[in-house]
Amino acid sequence: MRPIVPLSIVVVVAIIVGIMGTSNYDIYVTERDQRNLQLAVDDCKKLFPQGMDQEECITKSLDVFGTDYQKEQWNQRDIYSINP
């Protein structure tokens, strides 16, 4: 049997496993960041009374762990609270 056929099968299987591993890693990272964001926001609420310090803490937590959509929603909240 030619060595090219088994080698090509191994390469195809390795590529498929690599693609599956990458997609699973992206899901894991997203879940981890959301869990860390929730914990950080909970800590901000416990550490600071409502006000500027708490909002600044939450904003920094969003900058680190939040998605673009979550950041946009947080900024929209600021706009609506200033201009009702």
C-alpha atoms as a PDB file:
ATOM      1  CA  MET A   1       0.000   0.000   0.000  1.00  0.00           C
ATOM      2  CA  ARG A   2       1.256   3.440  -0.790  1.00  0.00           C
ATOM      3  CA  PRO A   3       2.343   5.535   2.187  1.00  0.00           C
ATOM      4  CA  ILE A   4       0.556   8.583   0.746  1.00  0.00           C
ATOM      5  CA  VAL A   5      -2.963   7.239   1.413  1.00  0.00           C
ATOM      6  CA  PRO A   6      -2.554   6.590   5.187  1.00  0.00           C
ATOM      7  CA  LEU A   7      -0.638   9.834   5.555  1.00  0.00           C
ATOM      8  CA  SER A   8      -3.381  11.831   3.844  1.00  0.00           C
ATOM      9  CA  ILE A   9      -6.009  10.183   6.069  1.00  0.00           C
ATOM     10  CA  VAL A  10      -4.012  11.130   9.171  1.00  0.00           C
ATOM     11  CA  VAL A  11      -3.686  14.722   7.946  1.00  0.00           C
ATOM     12  CA  VAL A  12      -7.429  15.017   7.257  1.00  0.00           C
ATOM     13  CA  VAL A  13      -8.302  13.596  10.693  1.00  0.00           C
ATOM     14  CA  ALA A  14      -5.811  15.978  12.360  1.00  0.00           C
ATOM     15  CA  ILE A  15      -7.367  18.958  10.585  1.00  0.00           C
ATOM     16  CA  ILE A  16     -10.883  17.940  11.655  1.00  0.00           C
ATOM     17  CA  VAL A  17      -9.771  17.436  15.270  1.00  0.00           C
ATOM     18  CA  GLY A  18      -8.011  20.812  15.197  1.00  0.00           C
ATOM     19  CA  ILE A  19     -11.109  22.612  13.932  1.00  0.00           C
ATOM     20  CA  MET A  20     -13.304  20.963  16.559  1.00  0.00           C
ATOM     21  CA  GLY A  21     -10.818  21.801  19.304  1.00  0.00           C
ATOM     22  CA  THR A  22     -10.686  25.450  18.276  1.00  0.00           C
ATOM     23  CA  SER A  23     -14.459  25.853  18.290  1.00  0.00           C
ATOM     24  CA  ASN A  24     -14.716  24.197  21.710  1.00  0.00           C
ATOM     25  CA  TYR A  25     -12.011  26.510  23.037  1.00  0.00           C
ATOM     26  CA  ASP A  26     -13.899  29.599  21.823  1.00  0.00           C
ATOM     27  CA  ILE A  27     -17.036  28.403  23.615  1.00  0.00           C
ATOM     28  CA  TYR A  28     -15.039  27.753  26.783  1.00  0.00           C
ATOM     29  CA  VAL A  29     -13.431  31.213  26.686  1.00  0.00           C
ATOM     30  CA  THR A  30     -16.811  32.901  26.207  1.00  0.00           C
ATOM     31  CA  GLU A  31     -18.350  31.013  29.118  1.00  0.00           C
ATOM     32  CA  ARG A  32     -15.324  31.732  31.314  1.00  0.00           C
ATOM     33  CA  ASP A  33     -15.401  35.459  30.531  1.00  0.00           C
ATOM     34  CA  GLN A  34     -19.134  35.691  31.272  1.00  0.00           C
ATOM     35  CA  ARG A  35     -18.676  33.876  34.576  1.00  0.00           C
ATOM     36  CA  ASN A  36     -15.784  36.173  35.508  1.00  0.00           C
ATOM     37  CA  LEU A  37     -17.801  39.252  34.500  1.00  0.00           C
ATOM     38  CA  GLN A  38     -20.692  38.199  36.729  1.00  0.00           C
ATOM     39  CA  LEU A  39     -18.337  37.619  39.653  1.00  0.00           C
ATOM     40  CA  ALA A  40     -16.603  40.971  39.082  1.00  0.00           C
ATOM     41  CA  VAL A  41     -19.909  42.875  38.921  1.00  0.00           C
ATOM     42  CA  ASP A  42     -21.094  41.130  42.103  1.00  0.00           C
ATOM     43  CA  ASP A  43     -17.845  42.161  43.806  1.00  0.00           C
ATOM     44  CA  CYS A  44     -18.308  45.762  42.632  1.00  0.00           C
ATOM     45  CA  LYS A  45     -21.785  45.820  44.140  1.00  0.00           C
ATOM     46  CA  LYS A  46     -20.491  44.436  47.446  1.00  0.00           C
ATOM     47  CA  LEU A  47     -17.414  46.686  47.654  1.00  0.00           C
ATOM     48  CA  PHE A  48     -18.897  50.027  46.659  1.00  0.00           C
ATOM     49  CA  PRO A  49     -22.175  51.738  47.506  1.00  0.00           C
ATOM     50  CA  GLN A  50     -24.273  52.862  44.551  1.00  0.00           C
ATOM     51  CA  GLY A  51     -22.603  55.778  42.862  1.00  0.00           C
ATOM     52  CA  MET A  52     -19.646  56.723  40.743  1.00  0.00           C
ATOM     53  CA  ASP A  53     -17.184  54.280  42.339  1.00  0.00           C
ATOM     54  CA  GLN A  54     -19.485  51.320  41.719  1.00  0.00           C
ATOM     55  CA  GLU A  55     -20.187  52.419  38.144  1.00  0.00           C
ATOM     56  CA  GLU A  56     -16.474  52.876  37.466  1.00  0.00           C
ATOM     57  CA  CYS A  57     -15.767  49.409  38.863  1.00  0.00           C
ATOM     58  CA  ILE A  58     -18.467  47.852  36.671  1.00  0.00           C
ATOM     59  CA  THR A  59     -17.206  49.756  33.622  1.00  0.00           C
ATOM     60  CA  LYS A  60     -13.686  48.437  34.172  1.00  0.00           C
ATOM     61  CA  SER A  61     -15.032  44.899  34.615  1.00  0.00           C
ATOM     62  CA  LEU A  62     -16.927  45.227  31.333  1.00  0.00           C
ATOM     63  CA  ASP A  63     -13.787  46.491  29.605  1.00  0.00           C
ATOM     64  CA  VAL A  64     -11.938  43.349  30.664  1.00  0.00           C
ATOM     65  CA  PHE A  65     -14.583  40.615  30.413  1.00  0.00           C
ATOM     66  CA  GLY A  66     -17.547  42.079  28.539  1.00  0.00           C
ATOM     67  CA  THR A  67     -18.596  41.647  24.946  1.00  0.00           C
ATOM     68  CA  ASP A  68     -19.010  44.610  22.622  1.00  0.00           C
ATOM     69  CA  TYR A  69     -22.793  44.264  22.929  1.00  0.00           C
ATOM     70  CA  GLN A  70     -22.646  44.362  26.735  1.00  0.00           C
ATOM     71  CA  LYS A  71     -20.415  47.442  26.643  1.00  0.00           C
ATOM     72  CA  GLU A  72     -22.818  49.141  24.245  1.00  0.00           C
ATOM     73  CA  GLN A  73     -25.771  48.350  26.515  1.00  0.00           C
ATOM     74  CA  TRP A  74     -23.923  49.758  29.524  1.00  0.00           C
ATOM     75  CA  ASN A  75     -23.120  52.951  27.617  1.00  0.00           C
ATOM     76  CA  GLN A  76     -26.738  53.249  26.424  1.00  0.00           C
ATOM     77  CA  ARG A  77     -27.811  53.087  30.061  1.00  0.00           C
ATOM     78  CA  ASP A  78     -25.630  56.145  30.716  1.00  0.00           C
ATOM     79  CA  ILE A  79     -27.178  58.052  27.809  1.00  0.00           C
ATOM     80  CA  TYR A  80     -30.734  57.258  28.928  1.00  0.00           C
ATOM     81  CA  SER A  81     -30.021  58.207  32.536  1.00  0.00           C
ATOM     82  CA  ILE A  82     -28.668  61.606  31.424  1.00  0.00           C
ATOM     83  CA  ASN A  83     -31.350  62.337  28.801  1.00  0.00           C
ATOM     84  CA  PRO A  84     -34.644  60.780  29.937  1.00  0.00           C
END
